[in-house]
Amino acid sequence: MLNNRTLIIYPSVLVIFFIVAFILIPALAQQKQDNINGVMIDSEGEEIKVIMKALEEREKELVKREDALSKEEERLNMLRNSIEQSLKQYSTMRSRLQKDLEAGSEKDDKSAQGVTRIAKIYESMSPGEAAQRIEKMEDDMAVELLAKIKNKQAGKIMEAISPEKAAFLTMKLAERKGGK
């Protein structure tokens, strides 16, 4: 049966077990839980300081990112404004160019009509008379005029023009007709 020694040992073991189970193990668990990011924390005040420091660092990082985003947004707004301004200028220039082209086309039409009218007048002249006047004209106008005159009449006029001038005008007429 149980002797006195056993009666003393069992309760002592039980007391030691309870001390270990209810005091030491929770204390060790608390110490392990207090270890945050490899830093031992002795008290709750230290734990709060570590958390606050981490929050402050995160806040600084967020402020930096916000500043960078604000600068980028400002840069993009400036670029957008510049592009919009360029598009307006392009649109204005395009409108002006279109108007100029239309006006130039009307001038060209009127000019062509004028040359055609003059060509008819020169066709009705004698070839010698027409040749004298054509020789005194600017070369471009003479070529334009000869191009509008009927071939048979233009041939007669070219016969009356000096050979050098006739050769030059013939070359220009050939270039003009070859280019068209």
Foldseek 3Di string as FASTA:
>chain_A
DDDPVNVVVVVVVVVVVCCCVPPVVVVVVVQVVCQDPNDGDDDVVVVVVVVVVVVVVVVVVVVVVVVVVVVVVVVVVVVVVVVVVVVVVVVVVVVVVVVVVVVVVVVVVVVLVVLLVVLVVLLPDQLLVSLVVLVPDDLVSSLSNLVNHDPVSSVSNLVNHPPVSSVVSVVVNCVVVVVD
